[in-house]
N, C-alpha and C. Protein backbone atom coordinates (compact mmCIF):
# COMPACT_ATOMS: atom_id res chain seq x y z
N MET A 1 -41.55 15.73 46.80
CA MET A 1 -40.29 16.41 46.64
C MET A 1 -39.46 15.69 45.59
N ARG A 2 -39.07 16.39 44.58
CA ARG A 2 -38.34 15.80 43.47
C ARG A 2 -36.95 16.44 43.40
N LEU A 3 -35.92 15.57 43.32
CA LEU A 3 -34.55 16.06 43.20
C LEU A 3 -34.09 15.89 41.76
N ASN A 4 -33.45 16.86 41.24
CA ASN A 4 -32.98 16.81 39.86
C ASN A 4 -31.46 16.64 39.87
N PHE A 5 -30.98 15.45 39.46
CA PHE A 5 -29.56 15.16 39.41
C PHE A 5 -29.10 15.13 37.96
N THR A 6 -28.87 16.26 37.41
CA THR A 6 -28.36 16.31 36.04
C THR A 6 -26.90 16.71 36.07
N GLN A 7 -26.16 16.13 35.18
CA GLN A 7 -24.74 16.45 35.09
C GLN A 7 -24.50 17.48 34.01
N GLU A 8 -23.58 18.36 34.29
CA GLU A 8 -23.20 19.31 33.27
C GLU A 8 -22.20 18.67 32.33
N PRO A 9 -22.19 19.06 31.09
CA PRO A 9 -21.22 18.46 30.16
C PRO A 9 -19.80 18.83 30.54
N TYR A 10 -18.88 17.92 30.27
CA TYR A 10 -17.48 18.11 30.64
C TYR A 10 -16.72 18.97 29.64
N ASN A 11 -17.28 19.27 28.52
CA ASN A 11 -16.56 20.01 27.50
C ASN A 11 -16.54 21.50 27.76
N THR A 12 -16.88 21.92 28.94
CA THR A 12 -16.83 23.34 29.28
C THR A 12 -15.43 23.78 29.69
N ASP A 13 -14.51 22.82 29.88
CA ASP A 13 -13.14 23.17 30.26
C ASP A 13 -12.44 23.87 29.11
N VAL A 14 -11.54 24.73 29.44
CA VAL A 14 -10.79 25.47 28.43
C VAL A 14 -9.55 24.67 28.07
N ASP A 15 -9.34 24.49 26.79
CA ASP A 15 -8.17 23.76 26.30
C ASP A 15 -7.04 24.77 26.06
N THR A 16 -6.28 25.05 27.10
CA THR A 16 -5.24 26.08 26.99
C THR A 16 -4.04 25.59 26.20
N LEU A 17 -3.76 24.29 26.24
CA LEU A 17 -2.60 23.78 25.52
C LEU A 17 -2.76 23.95 24.02
N THR A 18 -3.92 23.60 23.49
CA THR A 18 -4.14 23.75 22.05
C THR A 18 -4.15 25.22 21.65
N LYS A 19 -4.75 26.05 22.47
CA LYS A 19 -4.77 27.47 22.15
C LYS A 19 -3.38 28.08 22.21
N SER A 20 -2.57 27.65 23.15
CA SER A 20 -1.23 28.22 23.31
C SER A 20 -0.30 27.83 22.18
N TYR A 21 -0.41 26.60 21.74
CA TYR A 21 0.53 26.09 20.74
C TYR A 21 -0.10 25.91 19.37
N SER A 22 -1.25 26.47 19.13
CA SER A 22 -1.93 26.24 17.86
C SER A 22 -1.14 26.79 16.68
N ASP A 23 -0.37 27.86 16.88
CA ASP A 23 0.41 28.41 15.77
C ASP A 23 1.71 27.65 15.56
N GLN A 24 2.07 26.76 16.48
CA GLN A 24 3.32 26.02 16.37
C GLN A 24 3.12 24.60 15.86
N TRP A 25 1.90 24.15 15.64
CA TRP A 25 1.65 22.81 15.12
C TRP A 25 1.76 22.86 13.60
N GLY A 26 2.95 22.76 13.09
CA GLY A 26 3.16 22.88 11.66
C GLY A 26 3.34 21.55 10.96
N ALA A 27 3.04 20.47 11.63
CA ALA A 27 3.28 19.16 11.05
C ALA A 27 2.31 18.84 9.91
N MET A 28 1.12 19.36 9.98
CA MET A 28 0.14 19.02 8.95
C MET A 28 0.52 19.58 7.59
N GLU A 29 1.08 20.79 7.56
CA GLU A 29 1.51 21.33 6.27
C GLU A 29 2.67 20.52 5.70
N GLN A 30 3.56 20.07 6.58
CA GLN A 30 4.69 19.27 6.13
C GLN A 30 4.25 17.89 5.68
N MET A 31 3.22 17.35 6.31
CA MET A 31 2.74 16.02 5.93
C MET A 31 2.15 16.03 4.52
N GLU A 32 1.52 17.12 4.13
CA GLU A 32 0.94 17.19 2.80
C GLU A 32 2.02 17.22 1.73
N GLU A 33 3.21 17.74 2.07
CA GLU A 33 4.31 17.80 1.12
C GLU A 33 5.21 16.57 1.17
N ALA A 34 4.99 15.67 2.12
CA ALA A 34 5.86 14.52 2.31
C ALA A 34 5.58 13.46 1.24
N SER A 35 6.50 12.49 1.17
CA SER A 35 6.34 11.42 0.19
C SER A 35 5.19 10.50 0.58
N ALA A 36 4.84 9.62 -0.34
CA ALA A 36 3.71 8.71 -0.09
C ALA A 36 4.02 7.74 1.04
N PHE A 37 5.29 7.30 1.14
CA PHE A 37 5.67 6.37 2.19
C PHE A 37 5.53 7.02 3.57
N VAL A 38 5.96 8.25 3.70
CA VAL A 38 5.87 8.96 4.97
C VAL A 38 4.42 9.21 5.32
N GLN A 39 3.60 9.55 4.34
CA GLN A 39 2.18 9.76 4.60
C GLN A 39 1.50 8.47 5.05
N MET A 40 1.88 7.35 4.44
CA MET A 40 1.30 6.07 4.82
C MET A 40 1.70 5.71 6.25
N MET A 41 2.97 5.95 6.61
CA MET A 41 3.43 5.64 7.96
C MET A 41 2.75 6.55 8.99
N ALA A 42 2.53 7.79 8.63
CA ALA A 42 1.90 8.72 9.57
C ALA A 42 0.41 8.45 9.71
N SER A 43 -0.21 7.94 8.67
CA SER A 43 -1.64 7.68 8.76
C SER A 43 -1.93 6.45 9.62
N ASN A 44 -1.03 5.48 9.60
CA ASN A 44 -1.19 4.29 10.44
C ASN A 44 -0.54 4.56 11.79
N ASP A 45 -0.71 3.62 12.69
CA ASP A 45 -0.07 3.76 13.99
C ASP A 45 1.42 3.50 13.85
N LEU A 46 2.22 4.47 14.25
CA LEU A 46 3.67 4.33 14.14
C LEU A 46 4.23 3.36 15.15
N ILE A 47 3.44 2.94 16.11
CA ILE A 47 3.94 2.00 17.10
C ILE A 47 4.34 0.68 16.45
N PHE A 48 3.65 0.31 15.38
CA PHE A 48 4.00 -0.94 14.71
C PHE A 48 5.33 -0.82 13.98
N VAL A 49 5.63 0.35 13.48
CA VAL A 49 6.93 0.58 12.83
C VAL A 49 8.03 0.51 13.87
N VAL A 50 7.81 1.15 14.99
CA VAL A 50 8.81 1.13 16.07
C VAL A 50 8.99 -0.30 16.57
N LEU A 51 7.91 -1.02 16.72
CA LEU A 51 7.99 -2.42 17.16
C LEU A 51 8.76 -3.26 16.16
N GLY A 52 8.49 -3.08 14.89
CA GLY A 52 9.21 -3.85 13.87
C GLY A 52 10.69 -3.56 13.86
N VAL A 53 11.07 -2.30 13.95
CA VAL A 53 12.49 -1.94 13.95
C VAL A 53 13.18 -2.48 15.19
N SER A 54 12.52 -2.36 16.34
CA SER A 54 13.14 -2.87 17.56
C SER A 54 13.27 -4.40 17.53
N LEU A 55 12.30 -5.08 16.96
CA LEU A 55 12.42 -6.54 16.84
C LEU A 55 13.56 -6.94 15.92
N ILE A 56 13.73 -6.21 14.84
CA ILE A 56 14.86 -6.49 13.93
C ILE A 56 16.18 -6.31 14.66
N ILE A 57 16.29 -5.23 15.42
CA ILE A 57 17.53 -4.99 16.18
C ILE A 57 17.77 -6.10 17.19
N TRP A 58 16.73 -6.53 17.91
CA TRP A 58 16.90 -7.60 18.88
C TRP A 58 17.30 -8.92 18.22
N PHE A 59 16.72 -9.24 17.06
CA PHE A 59 17.10 -10.47 16.37
C PHE A 59 18.53 -10.42 15.88
N ILE A 60 18.98 -9.27 15.41
CA ILE A 60 20.38 -9.14 14.98
C ILE A 60 21.31 -9.32 16.16
N LEU A 61 20.98 -8.70 17.30
CA LEU A 61 21.82 -8.87 18.50
C LEU A 61 21.85 -10.33 18.95
N LEU A 62 20.71 -10.99 18.91
CA LEU A 62 20.66 -12.40 19.29
C LEU A 62 21.51 -13.25 18.34
N PHE A 63 21.43 -12.96 17.05
CA PHE A 63 22.23 -13.69 16.07
C PHE A 63 23.73 -13.55 16.35
N PHE A 64 24.18 -12.31 16.61
CA PHE A 64 25.60 -12.10 16.87
C PHE A 64 26.03 -12.74 18.19
N MET A 65 25.15 -12.75 19.19
CA MET A 65 25.51 -13.39 20.46
C MET A 65 25.66 -14.89 20.29
N VAL A 66 24.77 -15.50 19.54
CA VAL A 66 24.87 -16.94 19.30
C VAL A 66 26.12 -17.25 18.50
N ARG A 67 26.41 -16.41 17.52
CA ARG A 67 27.59 -16.60 16.68
C ARG A 67 28.88 -16.49 17.51
N VAL A 68 28.96 -15.49 18.36
CA VAL A 68 30.15 -15.33 19.21
C VAL A 68 30.26 -16.49 20.19
N ASP A 69 29.14 -16.95 20.73
CA ASP A 69 29.16 -18.07 21.67
C ASP A 69 29.69 -19.33 20.99
N ARG A 70 29.28 -19.57 19.77
CA ARG A 70 29.78 -20.75 19.04
C ARG A 70 31.28 -20.65 18.79
N LYS A 71 31.74 -19.45 18.43
CA LYS A 71 33.18 -19.28 18.18
C LYS A 71 33.98 -19.46 19.46
N VAL A 72 33.48 -18.94 20.57
CA VAL A 72 34.18 -19.09 21.85
C VAL A 72 34.19 -20.55 22.27
N SER A 73 33.09 -21.24 22.08
CA SER A 73 33.03 -22.68 22.41
C SER A 73 34.02 -23.47 21.57
N LYS A 74 34.14 -23.13 20.32
CA LYS A 74 35.08 -23.81 19.43
C LYS A 74 36.52 -23.56 19.88
N LEU A 75 36.83 -22.32 20.27
CA LEU A 75 38.18 -22.02 20.77
C LEU A 75 38.46 -22.73 22.08
N GLU A 76 37.48 -22.83 22.95
CA GLU A 76 37.66 -23.56 24.21
C GLU A 76 37.95 -25.03 23.96
N GLU A 77 37.25 -25.61 23.01
CA GLU A 77 37.50 -27.01 22.69
C GLU A 77 38.90 -27.20 22.14
N GLU A 78 39.36 -26.29 21.30
CA GLU A 78 40.72 -26.37 20.76
C GLU A 78 41.76 -26.25 21.88
N ILE A 79 41.55 -25.35 22.81
CA ILE A 79 42.49 -25.18 23.92
C ILE A 79 42.50 -26.42 24.79
N ASN A 80 41.33 -26.97 25.08
CA ASN A 80 41.26 -28.18 25.91
C ASN A 80 41.90 -29.38 25.21
N SER A 81 41.72 -29.51 23.90
CA SER A 81 42.34 -30.63 23.20
C SER A 81 43.85 -30.48 23.13
N LYS A 82 44.38 -29.26 23.02
CA LYS A 82 45.83 -29.05 23.03
C LYS A 82 46.41 -29.34 24.40
N GLU A 83 45.68 -29.02 25.47
CA GLU A 83 46.16 -29.31 26.82
C GLU A 83 46.18 -30.80 27.09
N GLU A 84 45.25 -31.53 26.57
CA GLU A 84 45.19 -32.97 26.77
C GLU A 84 46.31 -33.66 25.99
N ASN A 85 46.67 -33.16 24.84
CA ASN A 85 47.71 -33.74 24.01
C ASN A 85 49.11 -33.42 24.54
N SER A 86 49.25 -32.37 25.34
CA SER A 86 50.58 -31.98 25.83
C SER A 86 51.02 -32.79 27.00
């Protein structure tokens, strides 16, 4: 007695999303008309661009926080020195 365990291919499912929105995917025509910079960014993974921009924003925020902290510390020292002299 021989049992045959063969699997059917999974590509028999119907892709309704692509069929439903196939006429609305107009990005490819726009990409061909875009500048070289935009085409380069779209061809690579955009996650690295997003990561770079977010890192720049975080470093700027960190810089301003350190700067404000130094200014506040300087003002506190001035207030404490004036209180000691009075």
